[in-house]
Full PDB file with SEQRES, HELIX, SHEET, SSBOND, CRYST1, ORIGX, SCALE, CONECT and MASTER records, all heavy atoms in Angstrom:
SEQRES   1 A   38  GLU LEU SER GLU SER GLU LYS THR VAL LEU ARG ARG LYS          
SEQRES   2 A   38  LYS ILE SER PHE VAL PHE GLN ALA PHE ARG LEU LEU HIS          
SEQRES   3 A   38  SER LEU SER ALA ILE ASP ASN VAL ALA LEU GLY LEU              
HELIX    1 AA1 GLU A    4  LYS A   14  1                                  11    
HELIX    2 AA2 ALA A   30  GLY A   37  1                                   8    
CRYST1    1.000    1.000    1.000  90.00  90.00  90.00 P 1           1          
ORIGX1      1.000000  0.000000  0.000000        0.00000                         
ORIGX2      0.000000  1.000000  0.000000        0.00000                         
ORIGX3      0.000000  0.000000  1.000000        0.00000                         
SCALE1      1.000000  0.000000  0.000000        0.00000                         
SCALE2      0.000000  1.000000  0.000000        0.00000                         
SCALE3      0.000000  0.000000  1.000000        0.00000                         
ATOM      1  N   GLU A   1      11.151 -13.443 -13.918  1.00  0.00           N  
ATOM      2  CA  GLU A   1      10.440 -13.726 -15.170  1.00  0.00           C  
ATOM      3  C   GLU A   1       9.360 -12.687 -15.464  1.00  0.00           C  
ATOM      4  O   GLU A   1       8.721 -12.735 -16.507  1.00  0.00           O  
ATOM      5  CB  GLU A   1       9.807 -15.120 -15.097  1.00  0.00           C  
ATOM      6  CG  GLU A   1      10.826 -16.241 -14.898  1.00  0.00           C  
ATOM      7  CD  GLU A   1      10.165 -17.591 -14.642  1.00  0.00           C  
ATOM      8  OE1 GLU A   1       8.917 -17.635 -14.626  1.00  0.00           O  
ATOM      9  OE2 GLU A   1      10.897 -18.584 -14.460  1.00  0.00           O  
ATOM     10  N   LEU A   2       9.150 -11.750 -14.539  1.00  0.00           N  
ATOM     11  CA  LEU A   2       8.083 -10.765 -14.677  1.00  0.00           C  
ATOM     12  C   LEU A   2       8.624  -9.420 -15.137  1.00  0.00           C  
ATOM     13  O   LEU A   2       9.752  -9.039 -14.797  1.00  0.00           O  
ATOM     14  CB  LEU A   2       7.360 -10.576 -13.339  1.00  0.00           C  
ATOM     15  CG  LEU A   2       6.763 -11.820 -12.680  1.00  0.00           C  
ATOM     16  CD1 LEU A   2       6.125 -11.436 -11.351  1.00  0.00           C  
ATOM     17  CD2 LEU A   2       5.750 -12.502 -13.588  1.00  0.00           C  
ATOM     18  N   SER A   3       7.807  -8.667 -15.867  1.00  0.00           N  
ATOM     19  CA  SER A   3       8.130  -7.291 -16.200  1.00  0.00           C  
ATOM     20  C   SER A   3       7.919  -6.423 -14.968  1.00  0.00           C  
ATOM     21  O   SER A   3       7.314  -6.861 -13.976  1.00  0.00           O  
ATOM     22  CB  SER A   3       7.235  -6.801 -17.337  1.00  0.00           C  
ATOM     23  OG  SER A   3       5.884  -6.719 -16.895  1.00  0.00           O  
ATOM     24  N   GLU A   4       8.387  -5.180 -15.004  1.00  0.00           N  
ATOM     25  CA  GLU A   4       8.201  -4.286 -13.858  1.00  0.00           C  
ATOM     26  C   GLU A   4       6.720  -4.043 -13.583  1.00  0.00           C  
ATOM     27  O   GLU A   4       6.303  -3.971 -12.430  1.00  0.00           O  
ATOM     28  CB  GLU A   4       8.932  -2.956 -14.094  1.00  0.00           C  
ATOM     29  CG  GLU A   4      10.436  -3.054 -13.984  1.00  0.00           C  
ATOM     30  CD  GLU A   4      10.895  -3.622 -12.647  1.00  0.00           C  
ATOM     31  OE1 GLU A   4      10.354  -3.206 -11.599  1.00  0.00           O  
ATOM     32  OE2 GLU A   4      11.784  -4.492 -12.650  1.00  0.00           O  
ATOM     33  N   SER A   5       5.925  -3.916 -14.643  1.00  0.00           N  
ATOM     34  CA  SER A   5       4.491  -3.699 -14.436  1.00  0.00           C  
ATOM     35  C   SER A   5       3.839  -4.929 -13.821  1.00  0.00           C  
ATOM     36  O   SER A   5       2.940  -4.826 -12.977  1.00  0.00           O  
ATOM     37  CB  SER A   5       3.803  -3.331 -15.756  1.00  0.00           C  
ATOM     38  OG  SER A   5       3.946  -4.366 -16.708  1.00  0.00           O  
ATOM     39  N   GLU A   6       4.288  -6.126 -14.220  1.00  0.00           N  
ATOM     40  CA  GLU A   6       3.747  -7.353 -13.634  1.00  0.00           C  
ATOM     41  C   GLU A   6       4.156  -7.484 -12.165  1.00  0.00           C  
ATOM     42  O   GLU A   6       3.374  -7.963 -11.337  1.00  0.00           O  
ATOM     43  CB  GLU A   6       4.234  -8.562 -14.429  1.00  0.00           C  
ATOM     44  CG  GLU A   6       3.582  -8.687 -15.806  1.00  0.00           C  
ATOM     45  CD  GLU A   6       4.208  -9.773 -16.657  1.00  0.00           C  
ATOM     46  OE1 GLU A   6       5.433 -10.029 -16.519  1.00  0.00           O  
ATOM     47  OE2 GLU A   6       3.481 -10.367 -17.479  1.00  0.00           O  
ATOM     48  N   LYS A   7       5.365  -7.044 -11.833  1.00  0.00           N  
ATOM     49  CA  LYS A   7       5.790  -7.053 -10.428  1.00  0.00           C  
ATOM     50  C   LYS A   7       4.931  -6.107  -9.602  1.00  0.00           C  
ATOM     51  O   LYS A   7       4.573  -6.408  -8.458  1.00  0.00           O  
ATOM     52  CB  LYS A   7       7.262  -6.640 -10.310  1.00  0.00           C  
ATOM     53  CG  LYS A   7       8.250  -7.690 -10.755  1.00  0.00           C  
ATOM     54  CD  LYS A   7       9.677  -7.179 -10.542  1.00  0.00           C  
ATOM     55  CE  LYS A   7      10.695  -8.135 -11.101  1.00  0.00           C  
ATOM     56  NZ  LYS A   7      12.081  -7.641 -10.926  1.00  0.00           N  
ATOM     57  N   THR A   8       4.601  -4.962 -10.178  1.00  0.00           N  
ATOM     58  CA  THR A   8       3.752  -3.998  -9.470  1.00  0.00           C  
ATOM     59  C   THR A   8       2.387  -4.593  -9.171  1.00  0.00           C  
ATOM     60  O   THR A   8       1.857  -4.451  -8.062  1.00  0.00           O  
ATOM     61  CB  THR A   8       3.599  -2.716 -10.306  1.00  0.00           C  
ATOM     62  OG1 THR A   8       4.882  -2.122 -10.492  1.00  0.00           O  
ATOM     63  CG2 THR A   8       2.680  -1.722  -9.619  1.00  0.00           C  
ATOM     64  N   VAL A   9       1.812  -5.289 -10.136  1.00  0.00           N  
ATOM     65  CA  VAL A   9       0.506  -5.929  -9.942  1.00  0.00           C  
ATOM     66  C   VAL A   9       0.610  -7.021  -8.881  1.00  0.00           C  
ATOM     67  O   VAL A   9      -0.247  -7.135  -8.000  1.00  0.00           O  
ATOM     68  CB  VAL A   9      -0.009  -6.517 -11.272  1.00  0.00           C  
ATOM     69  CG1 VAL A   9      -1.254  -7.372 -11.029  1.00  0.00           C  
ATOM     70  CG2 VAL A   9      -0.327  -5.394 -12.257  1.00  0.00           C  
ATOM     71  N   LEU A  10       1.685  -7.824  -8.934  1.00  0.00           N  
ATOM     72  CA  LEU A  10       1.885  -8.883  -7.942  1.00  0.00           C  
ATOM     73  C   LEU A  10       1.993  -8.307  -6.537  1.00  0.00           C  
ATOM     74  O   LEU A  10       1.367  -8.799  -5.595  1.00  0.00           O  
ATOM     75  CB  LEU A  10       3.158  -9.665  -8.284  1.00  0.00           C  
ATOM     76  CG  LEU A  10       3.520 -10.823  -7.352  1.00  0.00           C  
ATOM     77  CD1 LEU A  10       2.493 -11.940  -7.467  1.00  0.00           C  
ATOM     78  CD2 LEU A  10       4.918 -11.340  -7.663  1.00  0.00           C  
ATOM     79  N   ARG A  11       2.769  -7.227  -6.418  1.00  0.00           N  
ATOM     80  CA  ARG A  11       2.946  -6.582  -5.115  1.00  0.00           C  
ATOM     81  C   ARG A  11       1.623  -6.013  -4.605  1.00  0.00           C  
ATOM     82  O   ARG A  11       1.292  -6.160  -3.422  1.00  0.00           O  
ATOM     83  CB  ARG A  11       4.005  -5.481  -5.235  1.00  0.00           C  
ATOM     84  CG  ARG A  11       4.380  -4.821  -3.924  1.00  0.00           C  
ATOM     85  CD  ARG A  11       5.604  -3.939  -4.098  1.00  0.00           C  
ATOM     86  NE  ARG A  11       5.424  -2.912  -5.085  1.00  0.00           N  
ATOM     87  CZ  ARG A  11       6.124  -2.800  -6.205  1.00  0.00           C  
ATOM     88  NH1 ARG A  11       7.075  -3.661  -6.488  1.00  0.00           N  
ATOM     89  NH2 ARG A  11       5.889  -1.812  -7.046  1.00  0.00           N  
ATOM     90  N   ARG A  12       0.868  -5.383  -5.477  1.00  0.00           N  
ATOM     91  CA  ARG A  12      -0.382  -4.749  -5.061  1.00  0.00           C  
ATOM     92  C   ARG A  12      -1.416  -5.779  -4.606  1.00  0.00           C  
ATOM     93  O   ARG A  12      -2.148  -5.558  -3.649  1.00  0.00           O  
ATOM     94  CB  ARG A  12      -0.948  -3.919  -6.212  1.00  0.00           C  
ATOM     95  CG  ARG A  12      -2.171  -3.101  -5.825  1.00  0.00           C  
ATOM     96  CD  ARG A  12      -2.569  -2.149  -6.928  1.00  0.00           C  
ATOM     97  NE  ARG A  12      -3.045  -2.854  -8.100  1.00  0.00           N  
ATOM     98  CZ  ARG A  12      -2.599  -2.646  -9.348  1.00  0.00           C  
ATOM     99  NH1 ARG A  12      -1.650  -1.756  -9.566  1.00  0.00           N  
ATOM    100  NH2 ARG A  12      -3.089  -3.332 -10.349  1.00  0.00           N  
ATOM    101  N   LYS A  13      -1.455  -6.927  -5.269  1.00  0.00           N  
ATOM    102  CA  LYS A  13      -2.481  -7.921  -4.973  1.00  0.00           C  
ATOM    103  C   LYS A  13      -2.088  -8.892  -3.865  1.00  0.00           C  
ATOM    104  O   LYS A  13      -2.944  -9.405  -3.150  1.00  0.00           O  
ATOM    105  CB  LYS A  13      -2.812  -8.710  -6.244  1.00  0.00           C  
ATOM    106  CG  LYS A  13      -3.541  -7.895  -7.294  1.00  0.00           C  
ATOM    107  CD  LYS A  13      -3.962  -8.750  -8.469  1.00  0.00           C  
ATOM    108  CE  LYS A  13      -4.798  -7.947  -9.460  1.00  0.00           C  
ATOM    109  NZ  LYS A  13      -5.240  -8.784 -10.609  1.00  0.00           N  
ATOM    110  N   LYS A  14      -0.788  -9.148  -3.727  1.00  0.00           N  
ATOM    111  CA  LYS A  14      -0.369 -10.237  -2.853  1.00  0.00           C  
ATOM    112  C   LYS A  14       0.336  -9.796  -1.581  1.00  0.00           C  
ATOM    113  O   LYS A  14       0.421 -10.568  -0.617  1.00  0.00           O  
ATOM    114  CB  LYS A  14       0.575 -11.178  -3.622  1.00  0.00           C  
ATOM    115  CG  LYS A  14      -0.008 -11.782  -4.883  1.00  0.00           C  
ATOM    116  CD  LYS A  14      -1.084 -12.796  -4.566  1.00  0.00           C  
ATOM    117  CE  LYS A  14      -1.575 -13.493  -5.834  1.00  0.00           C  
ATOM    118  NZ  LYS A  14      -2.612 -14.499  -5.545  1.00  0.00           N  
ATOM    119  N   ILE A  15       0.893  -8.574  -1.550  1.00  0.00           N  
ATOM    120  CA  ILE A  15       1.801  -8.190  -0.467  1.00  0.00           C  
ATOM    121  C   ILE A  15       1.356  -6.883   0.172  1.00  0.00           C  
ATOM    122  O   ILE A  15       0.966  -5.941  -0.518  1.00  0.00           O  
ATOM    123  CB  ILE A  15       3.236  -8.012  -1.006  1.00  0.00           C  
ATOM    124  CG1 ILE A  15       3.707  -9.292  -1.707  1.00  0.00           C  
ATOM    125  CG2 ILE A  15       4.206  -7.655   0.110  1.00  0.00           C  
ATOM    126  CD1 ILE A  15       5.006  -9.108  -2.483  1.00  0.00           C  
ATOM    127  N   SER A  16       1.456  -6.823   1.500  1.00  0.00           N  
ATOM    128  CA  SER A  16       1.279  -5.556   2.210  1.00  0.00           C  
ATOM    129  C   SER A  16       2.450  -5.353   3.160  1.00  0.00           C  
ATOM    130  O   SER A  16       3.100  -6.315   3.575  1.00  0.00           O  
ATOM    131  CB  SER A  16      -0.032  -5.535   2.997  1.00  0.00           C  
ATOM    132  OG  SER A  16      -1.086  -5.053   2.192  1.00  0.00           O  
ATOM    133  N   PHE A  17       2.694  -4.083   3.505  1.00  0.00           N  
ATOM    134  CA  PHE A  17       3.838  -3.716   4.326  1.00  0.00           C  
ATOM    135  C   PHE A  17       3.376  -2.957   5.570  1.00  0.00           C  
ATOM    136  O   PHE A  17       2.443  -2.160   5.509  1.00  0.00           O  
ATOM    137  CB  PHE A  17       4.796  -2.816   3.542  1.00  0.00           C  
ATOM    138  CG  PHE A  17       5.372  -3.458   2.313  1.00  0.00           C  
ATOM    139  CD1 PHE A  17       4.706  -3.395   1.103  1.00  0.00           C  
ATOM    140  CD2 PHE A  17       6.583  -4.126   2.358  1.00  0.00           C  
ATOM    141  CE1 PHE A  17       5.219  -3.986  -0.041  1.00  0.00           C  
ATOM    142  CE2 PHE A  17       7.117  -4.717   1.230  1.00  0.00           C  
ATOM    143  CZ  PHE A  17       6.433  -4.651   0.024  1.00  0.00           C  
ATOM    144  N   VAL A  18       4.080  -3.203   6.670  1.00  0.00           N  
ATOM    145  CA  VAL A  18       3.912  -2.422   7.893  1.00  0.00           C  
ATOM    146  C   VAL A  18       5.302  -1.924   8.285  1.00  0.00           C  
ATOM    147  O   VAL A  18       6.243  -2.712   8.351  1.00  0.00           O  
ATOM    148  CB  VAL A  18       3.322  -3.270   9.046  1.00  0.00           C  
ATOM    149  CG1 VAL A  18       3.212  -2.431  10.317  1.00  0.00           C  
ATOM    150  CG2 VAL A  18       1.958  -3.834   8.654  1.00  0.00           C  
ATOM    151  N   PHE A  19       5.407  -0.617   8.537  1.00  0.00           N  
ATOM    152  CA  PHE A  19       6.708  -0.014   8.798  1.00  0.00           C  
ATOM    153  C   PHE A  19       6.763   0.582  10.206  1.00  0.00           C  
ATOM    154  O   PHE A  19       5.740   0.905  10.803  1.00  0.00           O  
ATOM    155  CB  PHE A  19       6.998   1.106   7.784  1.00  0.00           C  
ATOM    156  CG  PHE A  19       7.000   0.644   6.351  1.00  0.00           C  
ATOM    157  CD1 PHE A  19       5.879   0.822   5.551  1.00  0.00           C  
ATOM    158  CD2 PHE A  19       8.116   0.047   5.803  1.00  0.00           C  
ATOM    159  CE1 PHE A  19       5.868   0.408   4.233  1.00  0.00           C  
ATOM    160  CE2 PHE A  19       8.120  -0.368   4.484  1.00  0.00           C  
ATOM    161  CZ  PHE A  19       6.993  -0.190   3.692  1.00  0.00           C  
ATOM    162  N   GLN A  20       7.972   0.760  10.703  1.00  0.00           N  
ATOM    163  CA  GLN A  20       8.178   1.393  12.001  1.00  0.00           C  
ATOM    164  C   GLN A  20       7.592   2.803  12.033  1.00  0.00           C  
ATOM    165  O   GLN A  20       7.015   3.227  13.032  1.00  0.00           O  
ATOM    166  CB  GLN A  20       9.670   1.444  12.325  1.00  0.00           C  
ATOM    167  CG  GLN A  20      10.002   2.197  13.609  1.00  0.00           C  
ATOM    168  CD  GLN A  20      11.509   2.294  13.835  1.00  0.00           C  
ATOM    169  OE1 GLN A  20      12.294   1.657  13.138  1.00  0.00           O  
ATOM    170  NE2 GLN A  20      11.912   3.093  14.805  1.00  0.00           N  
ATOM    171  N   ALA A  21       7.740   3.535  10.925  1.00  0.00           N  
ATOM    172  CA  ALA A  21       7.349   4.944  10.886  1.00  0.00           C  
ATOM    173  C   ALA A  21       5.877   5.155  10.518  1.00  0.00           C  
ATOM    174  O   ALA A  21       5.459   6.285  10.260  1.00  0.00           O  
ATOM    175  CB  ALA A  21       8.238   5.702   9.901  1.00  0.00           C  
ATOM    176  N   PHE A  22       5.083   4.079  10.460  1.00  0.00           N  
ATOM    177  CA  PHE A  22       3.632   4.106  10.231  1.00  0.00           C  
ATOM    178  C   PHE A  22       3.268   4.519   8.799  1.00  0.00           C  
ATOM    179  O   PHE A  22       2.431   3.914   8.174  1.00  0.00           O  
ATOM    180  CB  PHE A  22       2.900   5.016  11.216  1.00  0.00           C  
ATOM    181  CG  PHE A  22       3.354   4.893  12.643  1.00  0.00           C  
ATOM    182  CD1 PHE A  22       3.661   6.021  13.387  1.00  0.00           C  
ATOM    183  CD2 PHE A  22       3.492   3.655  13.249  1.00  0.00           C  
ATOM    184  CE1 PHE A  22       4.092   5.914  14.700  1.00  0.00           C  
ATOM    185  CE2 PHE A  22       3.910   3.535  14.561  1.00  0.00           C  
ATOM    186  CZ  PHE A  22       4.218   4.662  15.284  1.00  0.00           C  
ATOM    187  N   ARG A  23       3.839   5.622   8.309  1.00  0.00           N  
ATOM    188  CA  ARG A  23       3.599   6.110   6.938  1.00  0.00           C  
ATOM    189  C   ARG A  23       2.125   6.374   6.660  1.00  0.00           C  
ATOM    190  O   ARG A  23       1.597   6.050   5.599  1.00  0.00           O  
ATOM    191  CB  ARG A  23       4.189   5.141   5.907  1.00  0.00           C  
ATOM    192  CG  ARG A  23       5.695   4.971   6.064  1.00  0.00           C  
ATOM    193  CD  ARG A  23       6.344   4.294   4.897  1.00  0.00           C  
ATOM    194  NE  ARG A  23       7.768   4.123   5.113  1.00  0.00           N  
ATOM    195  CZ  ARG A  23       8.610   3.555   4.259  1.00  0.00           C  
ATOM    196  NH1 ARG A  23       8.151   3.112   3.105  1.00  0.00           N  
ATOM    197  NH2 ARG A  23       9.889   3.445   4.529  1.00  0.00           N  
ATOM    198  N   LEU A  24       1.464   6.995   7.619  1.00  0.00           N  
ATOM    199  CA  LEU A  24       0.081   7.419   7.428  1.00  0.00           C  
ATOM    200  C   LEU A  24       0.053   8.815   6.831  1.00  0.00           C  
ATOM    201  O   LEU A  24       0.973   9.612   7.036  1.00  0.00           O  
ATOM    202  CB  LEU A  24      -0.658   7.412   8.769  1.00  0.00           C  
ATOM    203  CG  LEU A  24      -0.733   6.069   9.504  1.00  0.00           C  
ATOM    204  CD1 LEU A  24      -1.383   6.257  10.858  1.00  0.00           C  
ATOM    205  CD2 LEU A  24      -1.476   5.029   8.683  1.00  0.00           C  
ATOM    206  N   LEU A  25      -1.021   9.118   6.119  1.00  0.00           N  
ATOM    207  CA  LEU A  25      -1.206  10.465   5.566  1.00  0.00           C  
ATOM    208  C   LEU A  25      -1.892  11.315   6.631  1.00  0.00           C  
ATOM    209  O   LEU A  25      -3.032  11.045   7.026  1.00  0.00           O  
ATOM    210  CB  LEU A  25      -2.048  10.413   4.298  1.00  0.00           C  
ATOM    211  CG  LEU A  25      -1.385   9.697   3.110  1.00  0.00           C  
ATOM    212  CD1 LEU A  25      -2.329   9.668   1.920  1.00  0.00           C  
ATOM    213  CD2 LEU A  25      -0.078  10.389   2.722  1.00  0.00           C  
ATOM    214  N   HIS A  26      -1.202  12.351   7.115  1.00  0.00           N  
ATOM    215  CA  HIS A  26      -1.706  13.135   8.235  1.00  0.00           C  
ATOM    216  C   HIS A  26      -2.879  14.025   7.850  1.00  0.00           C  
ATOM    217  O   HIS A  26      -3.595  14.511   8.725  1.00  0.00           O  
ATOM    218  CB  HIS A  26      -0.567  13.962   8.839  1.00  0.00           C  
ATOM    219  CG  HIS A  26       0.431  13.115   9.561  1.00  0.00           C  
ATOM    220  ND1 HIS A  26       0.339  12.837  10.900  1.00  0.00           N  
ATOM    221  CD2 HIS A  26       1.531  12.443   9.112  1.00  0.00           C  
ATOM    222  CE1 HIS A  26       1.338  12.048  11.259  1.00  0.00           C  
ATOM    223  NE2 HIS A  26       2.073  11.796  10.195  1.00  0.00           N  
ATOM    224  N   SER A  27      -3.089  14.213   6.556  1.00  0.00           N  
ATOM    225  CA  SER A  27      -4.231  15.020   6.119  1.00  0.00           C  
ATOM    226  C   SER A  27      -5.519  14.209   6.079  1.00  0.00           C  
ATOM    227  O   SER A  27      -6.605  14.765   5.876  1.00  0.00           O  
ATOM    228  CB  SER A  27      -3.958  15.604   4.734  1.00  0.00           C  
ATOM    229  OG  SER A  27      -3.739  14.570   3.786  1.00  0.00           O  
ATOM    230  N   LEU A  28      -5.411  12.889   6.292  1.00  0.00           N  
ATOM    231  CA  LEU A  28      -6.581  12.019   6.231  1.00  0.00           C  
ATOM    232  C   LEU A  28      -6.896  11.457   7.611  1.00  0.00           C  
ATOM    233  O   LEU A  28      -6.009  11.269   8.442  1.00  0.00           O  
ATOM    234  CB  LEU A  28      -6.329  10.849   5.267  1.00  0.00           C  
ATOM    235  CG  LEU A  28      -6.070  11.188   3.804  1.00  0.00           C  
ATOM    236  CD1 LEU A  28      -5.844   9.909   3.006  1.00  0.00           C  
ATOM    237  CD2 LEU A  28      -7.215  11.994   3.205  1.00  0.00           C  
ATOM    238  N   SER A  29      -8.167  11.159   7.830  1.00  0.00           N  
ATOM    239  CA  SER A  29      -8.583  10.503   9.071  1.00  0.00           C  
ATOM    240  C   SER A  29      -8.128   9.043   9.048  1.00  0.00           C  
ATOM    241  O   SER A  29      -7.685   8.514   8.018  1.00  0.00           O  
ATOM    242  CB  SER A  29     -10.097  10.560   9.203  1.00  0.00           C  
ATOM    243  OG  SER A  29     -10.705   9.802   8.164  1.00  0.00           O  
ATOM    244  N   ALA A  30      -8.277   8.379  10.194  1.00  0.00           N  
ATOM    245  CA  ALA A  30      -7.909   6.955  10.273  1.00  0.00           C  
ATOM    246  C   ALA A  30      -8.685   6.139   9.250  1.00  0.00           C  
ATOM    247  O   ALA A  30      -8.104   5.328   8.512  1.00  0.00           O  
ATOM    248  CB  ALA A  30      -8.183   6.436  11.689  1.00  0.00           C  
ATOM    249  N   ILE A  31      -9.989   6.353   9.170  1.00  0.00           N  
ATOM    250  CA  ILE A  31     -10.798   5.552   8.254  1.00  0.00           C  
ATOM    251  C   ILE A  31     -10.436   5.846   6.797  1.00  0.00           C  
ATOM    252  O   ILE A  31     -10.423   4.944   5.941  1.00  0.00           O  
ATOM    253  CB  ILE A  31     -12.305   5.749   8.514  1.00  0.00           C  
ATOM    254  CG1 ILE A  31     -13.111   4.658   7.804  1.00  0.00           C  
ATOM    255  CG2 ILE A  31     -12.769   7.148   8.125  1.00  0.00           C  
ATOM    256  CD1 ILE A  31     -14.569   4.618   8.230  1.00  0.00           C  
ATOM    257  N   ASP A  32     -10.088   7.092   6.487  1.00  0.00           N  
ATOM    258  CA  ASP A  32      -9.710   7.432   5.112  1.00  0.00           C  
ATOM    259  C   ASP A  32      -8.338   6.883   4.748  1.00  0.00           C  
ATOM    260  O   ASP A  32      -8.078   6.545   3.585  1.00  0.00           O  
ATOM    261  CB  ASP A  32      -9.749   8.945   4.909  1.00  0.00           C  
ATOM    262  CG  ASP A  32     -11.171   9.485   4.857  1.00  0.00           C  
ATOM    263  OD1 ASP A  32     -12.092   8.692   4.586  1.00  0.00           O  
ATOM    264  OD2 ASP A  32     -11.365  10.698   5.102  1.00  0.00           O  
ATOM    265  N   ASN A  33      -7.426   6.785   5.728  1.00  0.00           N  
ATOM    266  CA  ASN A  33      -6.137   6.147   5.469  1.00  0.00           C  
ATOM    267  C   ASN A  33      -6.334   4.683   5.079  1.00  0.00           C  
ATOM    268  O   ASN A  33      -5.687   4.181   4.154  1.00  0.00           O  
ATOM    269  CB  ASN A  33      -5.242   6.237   6.706  1.00  0.00           C  
ATOM    270  CG  ASN A  33      -4.303   7.428   6.671  1.00  0.00           C  
ATOM    271  OD1 ASN A  33      -3.296   7.433   5.972  1.00  0.00           O  
ATOM    272  ND2 ASN A  33      -4.643   8.463   7.432  1.00  0.00           N  
ATOM    273  N   VAL A  34      -7.227   4.004   5.787  1.00  0.00           N  
ATOM    274  CA  VAL A  34      -7.483   2.598   5.472  1.00  0.00           C  
ATOM    275  C   VAL A  34      -8.220   2.464   4.140  1.00  0.00           C  
ATOM    276  O   VAL A  34      -7.909   1.592   3.330  1.00  0.00           O  
ATOM    277  CB  VAL A  34      -8.280   1.932   6.609  1.00  0.00           C  
ATOM    278  CG1 VAL A  34      -8.589   0.477   6.263  1.00  0.00           C  
ATOM    279  CG2 VAL A  34      -7.486   2.001   7.911  1.00  0.00           C  
ATOM    280  N   ALA A  35      -9.175   3.350   3.892  1.00  0.00           N  
ATOM    281  CA  ALA A  35      -9.907   3.322   2.624  1.00  0.00           C  
ATOM    282  C   ALA A  35      -8.965   3.539   1.442  1.00  0.00           C  
ATOM    283  O   ALA A  35      -9.175   2.976   0.359  1.00  0.00           O  
ATOM    284  CB  ALA A  35     -11.009   4.380   2.628  1.00  0.00           C  
ATOM    285  N   LEU A  36      -7.911   4.323   1.665  1.00  0.00           N  
ATOM    286  CA  LEU A  36      -6.929   4.537   0.606  1.00  0.00           C  
ATOM    287  C   LEU A  36      -6.240   3.221   0.234  1.00  0.00           C  
ATOM    288  O   LEU A  36      -5.983   2.952  -0.945  1.00  0.00           O  
ATOM    289  CB  LEU A  36      -5.898   5.570   1.042  1.00  0.00           C  
ATOM    290  CG  LEU A  36      -4.811   5.933   0.013  1.00  0.00           C  
ATOM    291  CD1 LEU A  36      -5.434   6.536  -1.239  1.00  0.00           C  
ATOM    292  CD2 LEU A  36      -3.812   6.906   0.633  1.00  0.00           C  
ATOM    293  N   GLY A  37      -5.958   2.401   1.233  1.00  0.00           N  
ATOM    294  CA  GLY A  37      -5.381   1.094   0.952  1.00  0.00           C  
ATOM    295  C   GLY A  37      -6.296   0.242   0.097  1.00  0.00           C  
ATOM    296  O   GLY A  37      -5.851  -0.499  -0.781  1.00  0.00           O  
ATOM    297  N   LEU A  38      -7.584   0.353   0.342  1.00  0.00           N  
ATOM    298  CA  LEU A  38      -8.556  -0.380  -0.468  1.00  0.00           C  
ATOM    299  C   LEU A  38      -8.619   0.165  -1.886  1.00  0.00           C  
ATOM    300  O   LEU A  38      -8.760  -0.587  -2.854  1.00  0.00           O  
ATOM    301  CB  LEU A  38      -9.937  -0.302   0.188  1.00  0.00           C  
ATOM    302  CG  LEU A  38     -10.065  -1.096   1.484  1.00  0.00           C  
ATOM    303  CD1 LEU A  38     -11.238  -0.598   2.308  1.00  0.00           C  
ATOM    304  CD2 LEU A  38     -10.212  -2.582   1.193  1.00  0.00           C  
TER     305      LEU A  38                                                      
MASTER        0    0    0    2    0    0    0    6  304    1    0    3          
END                                                                             
């Protein structure tokens, strides 16, 4: 029942993912990787 933009908002606010491959940005420090999530 949601538009694609509404799904994006739902995903951003309600859901987080953890992957096998970590998917961290290697150019950023640990604290900056987490701050990016915020």
